[in-house]
Protein backbone atom coordinates (compact mmCIF):
# COMPACT_ATOMS: atom_id res chain seq x y z
CA MET A 1 0.00 0.00 0.00
CA ALA A 2 1.33 3.28 -1.03
CA THR A 3 -0.64 5.44 1.28
CA GLY A 4 2.15 5.42 3.75
CA PHE A 5 0.28 3.88 6.64
CA SER A 6 -0.15 0.20 6.99
CA ALA A 7 -3.33 -1.58 7.94
CA THR A 8 -1.84 -2.53 11.28
CA PHE A 9 -1.27 1.12 12.04
CA TRP A 10 -4.91 1.89 11.41
CA LEU A 11 -5.97 -1.15 13.34
CA ASN A 12 -3.72 -0.15 16.24
CA LEU A 13 -5.07 3.43 16.08
CA ILE A 14 -8.69 2.25 16.10
CA THR A 15 -7.89 -0.11 18.99
CA PHE A 16 -6.17 2.69 20.88
CA VAL A 17 -9.09 5.09 20.37
CA TYR A 18 -11.50 2.31 21.32
CA LEU A 19 -9.56 1.57 24.53
CA VAL A 20 -9.33 5.28 25.42
CA LEU A 21 -13.10 5.67 24.91
CA LEU A 22 -13.72 2.46 26.86
CA ASN A 23 -11.58 3.74 29.77
CA VAL A 24 -13.40 7.07 29.72
CA TYR A 25 -16.74 5.21 29.77
CA ILE A 26 -15.61 2.92 32.63
CA PHE A 27 -14.28 5.93 34.59
CA ALA A 28 -17.53 7.85 34.10
CA ASN A 29 -19.62 4.79 34.94
CA ASN A 30 -17.61 4.10 38.13
CA ARG A 31 -17.85 7.72 39.09
CA HIS A 32 -21.60 7.64 38.52
CA ARG A 33 -21.91 4.50 40.69
CA ALA A 34 -19.85 6.08 43.45
CA THR A 35 -21.99 9.20 43.28
CA GLN A 36 -25.16 7.09 43.36
CA SER A 37 -23.79 5.11 46.31
CA GLN A 38 -22.98 8.33 48.16
CA LEU A 39 -26.44 9.67 47.36
CA VAL A 40 -28.07 6.50 48.71
CA GLU A 41 -25.96 6.71 51.90
CA LEU A 42 -26.80 10.39 52.22
CA GLU A 43 -30.49 9.64 51.74
CA LYS A 44 -30.36 6.95 54.45
CA GLU A 45 -28.59 9.33 56.81
CA MET A 46 -31.13 12.06 56.09
CA ASP A 47 -33.98 9.58 56.70
CA LYS A 48 -32.46 8.70 60.09
CA ARG A 49 -32.11 12.37 60.98
CA MET A 50 -35.65 13.12 59.83
CA ASP A 51 -36.95 10.24 61.96
CA LYS A 52 -35.10 11.65 64.97
CA LEU A 53 -36.43 15.13 64.25
CA SER A 54 -39.93 13.75 63.82
CA ALA A 55 -39.73 11.97 67.17
CA GLU A 56 -38.34 15.11 68.80
CA ASP A 57 -41.04 17.19 67.15
CA HIS A 58 -43.69 14.79 68.46
CA ARG A 59 -42.21 14.98 71.97
CA ILE A 60 -42.13 18.78 71.86
CA GLU A 61 -45.69 18.86 70.56
CA ASN A 62 -46.82 16.68 73.49
CA GLN A 63 -45.03 19.01 75.90
CA CYS A 64 -46.74 22.00 74.28
CA HIS A 65 -50.15 20.34 74.70
CA ALA A 66 -49.37 19.57 78.36
CA LEU A 67 -48.27 23.17 78.92
CA ALA A 68 -51.40 24.45 77.20
CA LYS A 69 -53.57 22.31 79.48
CA SER A 70 -51.64 23.53 82.49
CA MET A 71 -52.06 27.13 81.36
CA GLU A 72 -55.80 26.60 80.95
CA GLY A 73 -55.96 25.24 84.49
CA LEU A 74 -54.01 28.23 85.77
CA LYS A 75 -56.28 30.62 83.87
CA THR A 76 -59.32 28.95 85.43
CA LYS A 77 -57.80 29.27 88.91
CA VAL A 78 -56.82 32.89 88.31
CA ASN A 79 -60.31 33.73 87.06
CA VAL A 80 -61.81 32.28 90.26
CA MET A 81 -59.41 34.15 92.55
CA PRO A 82 -60.61 37.44 94.05
CA ASP A 83 -59.44 40.59 92.33
CA HIS A 84 -58.53 43.94 93.95
CA ASP A 85 -62.14 45.04 94.27
CA ASP A 86 -63.10 41.75 95.91
CA LEU A 87 -60.18 42.03 98.33
CA LYS A 88 -61.17 45.61 99.13
CA GLN A 89 -64.69 44.44 100.02
CA ILE A 90 -63.27 41.63 102.15
CA TYR A 91 -60.99 44.04 104.02
CA GLU A 92 -63.91 46.43 104.54
CA ARG A 93 -66.00 43.58 106.00
CA ILE A 94 -63.13 42.56 108.27
CA GLU A 95 -62.76 46.16 109.44
CA HIS A 96 -66.53 46.36 110.06
CA VAL A 97 -66.40 43.14 112.13
CA ASN A 98 -63.38 44.53 113.98
CA GLN A 99 -65.27 47.74 114.81
CA SER A 100 -68.26 45.67 115.97
CA MET A 101 -65.98 43.60 118.19
CA ARG A 102 -64.51 46.77 119.71
CA GLY A 103 -68.03 48.01 120.42
CA THR A 104 -68.94 44.66 121.96
CA GLU A 105 -65.76 44.73 124.03
CA ARG A 106 -66.61 48.20 125.35
CA ALA A 107 -70.14 47.06 126.18
CA LEU A 108 -68.76 44.03 128.05
CA HIS A 109 -66.43 46.26 130.09
CA GLU A 110 -69.33 48.53 130.94
CA LEU A 111 -71.48 45.53 131.85
CA LYS A 112 -68.65 44.14 133.99
CA GLY A 113 -68.38 47.49 135.74
CA THR A 114 -72.11 47.38 136.42
CA ILE A 115 -72.22 43.74 137.52
CA GLU A 116 -69.25 43.90 139.93
CA PRO A 117 -71.06 46.07 142.50
CA VAL A 118 -74.20 43.93 142.13
CA GLN A 119 -72.10 40.81 142.66
CA SER A 120 -70.46 42.34 145.76
CA SER A 121 -73.89 43.24 147.13
CA LEU A 122 -75.19 39.69 146.47
CA LYS A 123 -72.15 38.26 148.23
CA LEU A 124 -72.76 40.45 151.28
CA ILE A 125 -76.44 39.57 151.30
CA THR A 126 -75.60 35.85 151.01
CA GLU A 127 -73.12 36.10 153.90
CA TYR A 128 -75.62 37.98 156.00
CA LEU A 129 -78.31 35.38 155.34
CA MET A 130 -75.88 32.57 156.13
CA GLN A 131 -75.00 34.18 159.45
CA GLN A 132 -78.66 34.74 160.23
CA ASN A 133 -79.35 31.06 159.62
CA LYS A 134 -76.43 30.04 161.86
CA GLY A 135 -77.39 32.46 164.61
CA GLY A 136 -81.10 31.73 164.36
CA ASN A 137 -80.80 28.00 164.75
């Protein structure tokens, strides 16, 4: 052949190009598999994390419901408690009772002052009668 290149050269060139393309394909395919494998691992890891977050979210949601119930109970108790006006009325009633007790105490002292002389007189009369009974017998 006069073309200057032999058939083996062309065959070797085609084989070389074929092997280069095959190596590029194998490299790309392996890289794709590695990437897919990493993506699968990443997806599994993300699923685990999402499960943990979901469980944590559920736990926090339960705590929020418990706190809401507790707050409702506290609101109910606070609504039943007396406010400033109610306390003012209570203190006024207590003061009124206190004033009444002072008046009653004064009246008792006056009554005691009145009864003491009567009691002394009754004692003298009783003693006199007792002596009369002793002397008269």
